[in-house]
Amino acid sequence: MFPFDPSRQSRRRVSRSLTRTTRQMTGQLTRSLESAAKSVTKSAAKFVKKALTRSTEQAIRETRKTTVRSVKRTVRDTEKAVASAVTAQGAKRGAEHGAKAVRKPPGQFVTVDGLPVHVIVRGRGRPVVLVHGNGTMAEDFAICGLIDRLAARYRVIAIDRPGFGYTGRPRHRIWTAQAQAMLLHRVLEQLGVERPLLVGHSWGTIVALALAADGRRPLRGLVLLSGSYFPGHRTDAALIAPLAVPGLGDAMRAMVPAKVSASLTGQSFRQVFWPQPVPARFTARFPIEIAAAATQLRAVSEDAASMNSAVTGLQRRYAGLTLPVSILAGDADAIVKASEHSVRLHTTIPGSTLRLLPGLGHMIHYGARLKVERAIDDLMKLR
């Protein structure tokens, strides 16, 4: 057989035919591969998406667990640091105050549910109970002379509210106005006090009203001095409210040096007495080292922060009070506006009396002590 030897024309035809066939096959193959690739890509994408979703969810769960553990550790470490700082600052303050830090309490202690409550008891006769305001203590009524003056004709009981003066403020209990009123009730019960006349100053008026509204203890009447009786904005309360936050407030108080704390407390008293000057006897006798201590500052901030909620719950019950109520306030009071609180309360409580004292500020038991005594005497004569 002879070898195949095609002509040039034949070779061209074959070449073109092969080229077309090759292109067609290549195109078909390419399209098939692209289609297969797309199918594989979609499946792979779904698989990858599911895998990523599972991985992401797992990562989020792990991150959440890690964050929670980290936050808990941070909180524990912060609490320990705050406790150490408070202890160290307390020791420092104790060293700085020396003999003042161990000042002898002027009264006695009545224990209620394990809490020793400091009370000053003087005189004989029908009982008059004095409840101090925010930032002060029972000794405030002794310094202004009200305790000695009233003790000449009545049995006078002045109480240190929880966290003030020599009374502690346990953290396991929220010391609302109602809780403080209940504590006062229990103290008076142990002292054998019957049908007392309650005299409240500033925040102490809220406690007095809470006890009267509760109705569990018969009262002779109420004398309310410079009180805040309705919810509203108080600049002093807003400024001190952050100190009521657990942990944060402790840390903030612990970082303030004792001398600075005492200085700030002294400045606050100048504002409270304005427009009258701070009396010399107050400056000489008031235990500033106790008022500036961490426990009392915590009590001050907590009471300031809870004041609006306290009076919000009470104001609905004012109109139902049937006991004698005498309201006194200074018309120059820069802490509580008499027109917004005392005047309004007078129009709310049937049969109440109102005395607005011209030119006087918040501490009317100093600037108008005789008028306060007269208001007490007037109610004591009624029945």
Protein backbone atom coordinates (compact mmCIF):
# COMPACT_ATOMS: atom_id res chain seq x y z
CA MET A 1 0.00 0.00 0.00
CA PHE A 2 1.21 3.51 -0.73
CA PRO A 3 1.52 6.14 2.04
CA PHE A 4 -1.30 8.80 2.25
CA ASP A 5 -0.16 12.07 0.64
CA PRO A 6 -3.08 14.55 0.43
CA SER A 7 -2.94 17.68 -1.59
CA ARG A 8 -2.55 21.18 -0.12
CA GLN A 9 -6.22 22.02 -0.70
CA SER A 10 -7.31 18.87 1.02
CA ARG A 11 -5.04 19.61 3.93
CA ARG A 12 -6.63 23.09 4.29
CA ARG A 13 -10.12 21.65 4.34
CA VAL A 14 -9.14 19.12 6.94
CA SER A 15 -7.37 21.81 8.95
CA ARG A 16 -10.41 24.13 8.89
CA SER A 17 -12.72 21.26 9.76
CA LEU A 18 -10.54 20.23 12.66
CA THR A 19 -10.32 23.84 13.82
CA ARG A 20 -14.13 24.25 13.77
CA THR A 21 -14.63 20.96 15.50
CA THR A 22 -12.01 21.87 18.09
CA ARG A 23 -13.66 25.26 18.74
CA GLN A 24 -17.08 23.71 19.05
CA MET A 25 -15.82 21.05 21.40
CA THR A 26 -13.83 23.63 23.33
CA GLY A 27 -16.88 25.89 23.63
CA GLN A 28 -19.11 23.06 24.74
CA LEU A 29 -16.51 21.88 27.17
CA THR A 30 -16.02 25.43 28.48
CA ARG A 31 -19.77 25.94 28.91
CA SER A 32 -20.08 22.59 30.64
CA LEU A 33 -17.20 23.41 32.94
CA GLU A 34 -18.62 26.88 33.72
CA SER A 35 -22.04 25.38 34.45
CA ALA A 36 -20.47 22.75 36.65
CA ALA A 37 -18.34 25.40 38.32
CA LYS A 38 -21.39 27.57 39.04
CA SER A 39 -23.22 24.61 40.52
CA VAL A 40 -20.21 23.73 42.62
CA THR A 41 -19.78 27.37 43.64
CA LYS A 42 -23.40 27.66 44.81
CA SER A 43 -23.15 24.44 46.79
CA ALA A 44 -19.80 25.48 48.18
CA ALA A 45 -21.16 28.94 49.04
CA LYS A 46 -24.06 27.39 50.92
CA PHE A 47 -21.72 25.06 52.71
CA VAL A 48 -19.26 27.84 53.51
CA LYS A 49 -22.09 30.11 54.62
CA LYS A 50 -23.45 27.47 56.96
CA ALA A 51 -19.97 26.72 58.22
CA LEU A 52 -19.25 30.42 58.76
CA THR A 53 -22.61 30.95 60.47
CA ARG A 54 -21.96 28.07 62.85
CA SER A 55 -18.43 29.30 63.46
CA THR A 56 -19.62 32.89 63.98
CA GLU A 57 -22.38 31.85 66.38
CA GLN A 58 -19.94 29.69 68.29
CA ALA A 59 -17.45 32.56 68.38
CA ILE A 60 -20.16 34.93 69.64
CA ARG A 61 -21.16 32.48 72.38
CA GLU A 62 -17.56 32.02 73.42
CA THR A 63 -16.95 35.77 73.34
CA ARG A 64 -20.07 36.38 75.40
CA LYS A 65 -19.01 33.82 77.99
CA THR A 66 -15.51 35.27 78.09
CA THR A 67 -16.89 38.82 78.44
CA VAL A 68 -19.23 37.81 81.28
CA ARG A 69 -16.38 36.08 83.10
CA SER A 70 -14.16 39.11 82.54
CA VAL A 71 -16.83 41.55 83.78
CA LYS A 72 -17.45 39.44 86.88
CA ARG A 73 -13.73 39.34 87.61
CA THR A 74 -13.51 43.10 87.07
CA VAL A 75 -16.47 43.74 89.39
CA ARG A 76 -14.97 41.52 92.08
CA ASP A 77 -11.58 43.19 91.72
CA THR A 78 -13.21 46.64 91.80
CA GLU A 79 -15.22 45.81 94.91
CA LYS A 80 -12.08 44.55 96.62
CA ALA A 81 -10.18 47.67 95.57
CA VAL A 82 -13.00 49.94 96.77
CA ALA A 83 -13.22 48.11 100.08
CA SER A 84 -9.46 48.42 100.54
CA ALA A 85 -9.56 52.09 99.61
CA VAL A 86 -12.46 52.78 101.97
CA THR A 87 -10.71 50.95 104.78
CA ALA A 88 -7.44 52.75 104.14
CA GLN A 89 -9.17 56.12 103.87
CA GLY A 90 -11.14 55.42 107.04
CA ALA A 91 -7.94 54.56 108.89
CA LYS A 92 -6.31 57.71 107.56
CA ARG A 93 -9.26 59.83 108.63
CA GLY A 94 -9.26 58.22 112.03
CA ALA A 95 -5.59 59.03 112.45
CA GLU A 96 -6.15 62.61 111.30
CA HIS A 97 -9.11 63.20 113.59
CA GLY A 98 -7.54 61.59 116.62
CA ALA A 99 -9.59 62.21 119.71
CA LYS A 100 -12.45 63.72 117.70
CA ALA A 101 -13.06 60.38 115.96
CA VAL A 102 -13.90 58.77 119.30
CA ARG A 103 -16.23 61.50 120.45
CA LYS A 104 -18.58 60.16 123.11
CA PRO A 105 -22.21 59.90 121.95
CA PRO A 106 -24.39 62.35 123.90
CA GLY A 107 -27.36 59.98 124.08
CA GLN A 108 -28.21 56.32 124.46
CA PHE A 109 -28.75 53.39 122.09
CA VAL A 110 -31.94 51.46 121.39
CA THR A 111 -31.38 48.26 119.43
CA VAL A 112 -33.94 47.37 116.75
CA ASP A 113 -33.43 44.17 114.75
CA GLY A 114 -29.74 44.18 115.63
CA LEU A 115 -29.23 47.86 114.70
CA PRO A 116 -28.17 50.16 117.58
CA VAL A 117 -30.08 53.42 117.07
CA HIS A 118 -28.72 56.52 118.80
CA VAL A 119 -31.30 58.69 120.58
CA ILE A 120 -31.04 61.71 122.86
CA VAL A 121 -33.71 61.63 125.57
CA ARG A 122 -34.25 64.59 127.91
CA GLY A 123 -36.97 65.86 130.26
CA ARG A 124 -40.33 64.53 131.44
CA GLY A 125 -43.95 64.84 130.42
CA ARG A 126 -45.80 64.41 127.16
CA PRO A 127 -43.46 63.27 124.40
CA VAL A 128 -42.05 65.41 121.60
CA VAL A 129 -39.99 63.58 118.97
CA LEU A 130 -37.45 65.48 116.84
CA VAL A 131 -36.44 64.09 113.42
CA HIS A 132 -33.48 65.82 111.75
CA GLY A 133 -32.90 66.61 108.08
CA ASN A 134 -30.40 65.42 105.50
CA GLY A 135 -26.74 65.93 106.37
CA THR A 136 -27.23 66.68 110.06
CA MET A 137 -28.03 64.55 113.13
CA ALA A 138 -29.88 64.61 116.45
CA GLU A 139 -27.23 66.90 117.96
CA ASP A 140 -28.40 69.64 115.60
CA PHE A 141 -31.47 70.11 117.81
CA ALA A 142 -29.24 70.25 120.90
CA ILE A 143 -26.95 72.88 119.37
CA CYS A 144 -29.82 75.17 118.39
CA GLY A 145 -31.10 74.92 121.97
CA LEU A 146 -34.42 73.30 121.11
CA ILE A 147 -33.86 70.12 123.14
CA ASP A 148 -33.01 71.93 126.39
CA ARG A 149 -35.81 74.45 125.96
CA LEU A 150 -38.46 71.80 125.28
CA ALA A 151 -37.13 69.44 127.97
CA ALA A 152 -38.21 71.98 130.58
CA ARG A 153 -41.85 70.97 129.94
CA TYR A 154 -41.86 67.84 127.75
CA ARG A 155 -40.12 64.52 127.33
CA VAL A 156 -37.93 65.13 124.28
CA ILE A 157 -36.59 62.34 122.06
CA ALA A 158 -34.21 63.23 119.21
CA ILE A 159 -33.21 60.34 116.94
CA ASP A 160 -30.21 59.80 114.65
CA ARG A 161 -31.75 58.47 111.42
CA PRO A 162 -29.99 55.50 109.73
CA GLY A 163 -26.49 56.47 108.62
CA PHE A 164 -26.46 59.78 110.48
CA GLY A 165 -24.67 60.65 113.68
CA TYR A 166 -24.04 57.49 115.66
CA THR A 167 -26.61 55.23 113.95
CA GLY A 168 -25.37 52.80 111.31
CA ARG A 169 -26.93 52.24 107.89
CA PRO A 170 -26.80 48.51 107.01
CA ARG A 171 -26.44 47.89 103.28
CA HIS A 172 -28.74 44.87 103.20
CA ARG A 173 -31.78 47.15 103.57
CA ILE A 174 -33.07 49.98 101.37
CA TRP A 175 -33.73 52.89 103.71
CA THR A 176 -36.83 54.45 102.20
CA ALA A 177 -38.90 57.00 104.10
CA GLN A 178 -41.29 54.20 105.05
CA ALA A 179 -38.43 52.03 106.31
CA GLN A 180 -37.10 54.90 108.42
CA ALA A 181 -40.59 55.61 109.74
CA MET A 182 -40.93 51.97 110.77
CA LEU A 183 -37.57 52.15 112.54
CA LEU A 184 -38.71 55.27 114.37
CA HIS A 185 -41.93 53.50 115.35
CA ARG A 186 -39.96 50.55 116.77
CA VAL A 187 -37.63 52.84 118.73
CA LEU A 188 -40.56 54.75 120.26
CA GLU A 189 -42.21 51.44 121.08
CA GLN A 190 -39.17 50.30 123.05
CA LEU A 191 -38.97 53.66 124.84
CA GLY A 192 -42.63 53.38 125.84
CA VAL A 193 -43.61 56.55 124.01
CA GLU A 194 -47.37 57.08 123.51
CA ARG A 195 -49.09 59.68 121.29
CA PRO A 196 -46.00 61.75 120.55
CA LEU A 197 -45.90 65.06 118.70
CA LEU A 198 -43.52 64.67 115.76
CA VAL A 199 -41.31 67.59 114.75
CA GLY A 200 -39.51 67.04 111.45
CA HIS A 201 -37.00 69.29 109.74
CA SER A 202 -36.28 69.09 105.99
CA TRP A 203 -35.93 65.37 105.05
CA GLY A 204 -37.17 64.55 108.55
CA THR A 205 -40.60 65.92 107.57
CA ILE A 206 -40.91 63.10 105.01
CA VAL A 207 -40.28 60.50 107.72
CA ALA A 208 -42.81 62.20 109.99
CA LEU A 209 -45.43 62.27 107.22
CA ALA A 210 -44.73 58.62 106.36
CA LEU A 211 -45.35 57.58 109.97
CA ALA A 212 -48.52 59.68 110.14
CA ALA A 213 -49.86 58.29 106.84
CA ASP A 214 -49.11 54.74 107.93
CA GLY A 215 -51.54 55.04 110.84
CA ARG A 216 -50.00 52.27 112.94
CA ARG A 217 -49.07 54.68 115.77
CA PRO A 218 -51.42 57.29 117.25
CA LEU A 219 -49.83 60.74 117.01
CA ARG A 220 -50.68 63.99 118.76
CA GLY A 221 -49.78 66.03 115.69
CA LEU A 222 -47.05 67.14 113.28
CA VAL A 223 -44.85 70.22 113.20
CA LEU A 224 -43.14 70.38 109.81
CA LEU A 225 -40.13 72.67 109.28
CA SER A 226 -38.69 73.63 105.87
CA GLY A 227 -39.89 70.44 104.22
CA SER A 228 -39.87 69.25 100.62
CA TYR A 229 -43.30 67.64 100.13
CA PHE A 230 -43.76 67.25 96.38
CA PRO A 231 -41.55 65.87 93.60
CA GLY A 232 -39.46 68.37 91.68
CA HIS A 233 -35.94 69.35 90.68
CA ARG A 234 -33.45 70.02 93.45
CA THR A 235 -30.00 71.10 92.28
CA ASP A 236 -28.31 69.93 95.48
CA ALA A 237 -29.96 66.51 95.17
CA ALA A 238 -28.99 66.17 91.49
CA LEU A 239 -25.35 66.99 92.21
CA ILE A 240 -24.99 64.49 95.03
CA ALA A 241 -27.07 61.68 93.48
CA PRO A 242 -24.06 59.93 91.75
CA LEU A 243 -22.61 59.26 95.21
CA ALA A 244 -25.60 57.00 95.87
CA VAL A 245 -24.54 54.51 93.15
CA PRO A 246 -23.20 51.35 94.88
CA GLY A 247 -19.48 50.84 94.28
CA LEU A 248 -19.02 54.06 92.31
CA GLY A 249 -20.14 56.22 95.20
CA ASP A 250 -17.89 54.32 97.62
CA ALA A 251 -14.92 54.79 95.30
CA MET A 252 -15.62 58.50 94.84
CA ARG A 253 -15.94 59.07 98.58
CA ALA A 254 -12.81 57.06 99.32
CA MET A 255 -10.73 59.21 96.97
CA VAL A 256 -11.65 62.47 98.73
CA PRO A 257 -9.12 63.41 101.46
CA ALA A 258 -10.57 63.94 104.92
CA LYS A 259 -9.70 67.64 105.01
CA VAL A 260 -11.30 68.23 101.63
CA SER A 261 -14.44 66.35 102.67
CA ALA A 262 -14.70 68.38 105.87
CA SER A 263 -14.20 71.60 103.90
CA LEU A 264 -16.92 70.71 101.39
CA THR A 265 -19.28 69.79 104.22
CA GLY A 266 -18.60 73.16 105.83
CA GLN A 267 -19.38 74.94 102.56
CA SER A 268 -22.67 73.06 102.25
CA PHE A 269 -23.71 74.30 105.69
CA ARG A 270 -23.07 77.90 104.63
CA GLN A 271 -25.50 77.35 101.75
CA VAL A 272 -28.06 75.70 104.01
CA PHE A 273 -28.05 78.58 106.53
CA TRP A 274 -28.12 81.32 103.87
CA PRO A 275 -29.15 84.16 103.97
CA GLN A 276 -28.28 83.93 107.66
CA PRO A 277 -24.64 83.27 108.58
CA VAL A 278 -23.64 79.97 110.15
CA PRO A 279 -24.09 80.48 113.93
CA ALA A 280 -20.90 80.48 115.99
CA ARG A 281 -22.31 77.83 118.32
CA PHE A 282 -22.94 75.55 115.32
CA THR A 283 -19.37 75.97 114.08
CA ALA A 284 -17.99 75.30 117.55
CA ARG A 285 -20.14 72.30 118.50
CA PHE A 286 -21.31 70.49 115.39
CA PRO A 287 -19.27 67.25 114.88
CA ILE A 288 -18.08 67.98 111.36
CA GLU A 289 -15.84 64.89 111.36
CA ILE A 290 -18.92 62.68 111.71
CA ALA A 291 -20.91 64.58 109.09
CA ALA A 292 -17.99 64.26 106.65
CA ALA A 293 -17.42 60.54 107.29
CA ALA A 294 -18.05 58.00 104.51
CA THR A 295 -21.10 56.40 106.16
CA GLN A 296 -22.95 59.68 106.63
CA LEU A 297 -22.04 60.91 103.13
CA ARG A 298 -23.50 57.69 101.73
CA ALA A 299 -26.69 58.27 103.75
CA VAL A 300 -26.88 61.87 102.52
CA SER A 301 -26.54 60.84 98.87
CA GLU A 302 -29.01 57.95 99.14
CA ASP A 303 -31.65 60.09 100.85
CA ALA A 304 -31.17 62.87 98.29
CA ALA A 305 -31.51 60.42 95.41
CA SER A 306 -34.68 58.83 96.84
CA MET A 307 -36.45 62.03 97.90
CA ASN A 308 -38.64 62.45 94.81
CA SER A 309 -39.82 58.85 94.89
CA ALA A 310 -40.54 59.18 98.62
CA VAL A 311 -42.81 62.21 98.29
CA THR A 312 -44.40 60.88 95.09
CA GLY A 313 -45.74 57.93 97.06
CA LEU A 314 -46.84 60.10 99.98
CA GLN A 315 -48.56 63.04 98.29
CA ARG A 316 -51.66 60.99 97.47
CA ARG A 317 -52.26 60.53 101.22
CA TYR A 318 -51.83 64.12 102.42
CA ALA A 319 -55.50 65.01 101.98
CA GLY A 320 -56.51 62.08 104.18
CA LEU A 321 -54.55 63.23 107.23
CA THR A 322 -56.86 64.21 110.08
CA LEU A 323 -54.37 65.01 112.85
CA PRO A 324 -53.27 68.59 113.66
CA VAL A 325 -50.49 69.78 111.33
CA SER A 326 -48.46 72.97 111.69
CA ILE A 327 -46.24 74.00 108.74
CA LEU A 328 -43.39 76.49 109.06
CA ALA A 329 -40.96 77.72 106.41
CA GLY A 330 -38.65 80.63 105.63
CA ASP A 331 -39.64 82.64 102.59
CA ALA A 332 -35.94 83.13 101.73
CA ASP A 333 -35.15 79.41 101.82
CA ALA A 334 -32.69 78.72 98.96
CA ILE A 335 -32.88 74.93 99.39
CA VAL A 336 -36.66 74.40 99.27
CA LYS A 337 -39.04 77.00 97.82
CA ALA A 338 -41.76 77.59 100.37
CA SER A 339 -44.30 78.61 97.71
CA GLU A 340 -43.92 75.29 95.88
CA HIS A 341 -43.93 73.05 98.94
CA SER A 342 -45.12 74.50 102.27
CA VAL A 343 -47.87 76.69 100.79
CA ARG A 344 -49.04 73.87 98.54
CA LEU A 345 -49.05 71.37 101.41
CA HIS A 346 -51.13 73.78 103.50
CA THR A 347 -53.79 73.84 100.77
CA THR A 348 -53.72 70.04 100.57
CA ILE A 349 -54.03 69.05 104.26
CA PRO A 350 -57.40 70.08 105.69
CA GLY A 351 -57.19 72.17 108.86
CA SER A 352 -53.41 72.66 108.73
CA THR A 353 -51.78 75.95 109.74
CA LEU A 354 -49.02 77.76 107.86
CA ARG A 355 -46.42 80.24 109.09
CA LEU A 356 -44.11 81.82 106.52
CA LEU A 357 -41.14 83.44 108.21
CA PRO A 358 -39.90 86.54 106.35
CA GLY A 359 -36.20 86.75 105.51
CA LEU A 360 -35.32 83.34 106.93
CA GLY A 361 -33.59 80.46 105.16
CA HIS A 362 -33.69 76.70 105.56
CA MET A 363 -32.53 76.38 109.19
CA ILE A 364 -35.47 78.09 110.86
CA HIS A 365 -35.00 76.20 114.13
CA TYR A 366 -31.97 78.48 114.62
CA GLY A 367 -33.27 81.76 113.22
CA ALA A 368 -36.82 81.38 114.60
CA ARG A 369 -36.49 78.91 117.46
CA LEU A 370 -39.05 80.70 119.62
CA LYS A 371 -41.65 80.53 116.84
CA VAL A 372 -40.93 76.82 116.43
CA GLU A 373 -41.44 76.36 120.18
CA ARG A 374 -44.69 78.29 119.99
CA ALA A 375 -45.96 76.05 117.18
CA ILE A 376 -45.13 73.00 119.30
CA ASP A 377 -46.85 74.44 122.35
CA ASP A 378 -49.95 75.33 120.33
CA LEU A 379 -50.41 71.72 119.14
CA MET A 380 -49.65 70.27 122.56
CA LYS A 381 -52.53 72.33 124.02
CA LEU A 382 -55.11 71.01 121.58
CA ARG A 383 -55.68 67.60 123.15
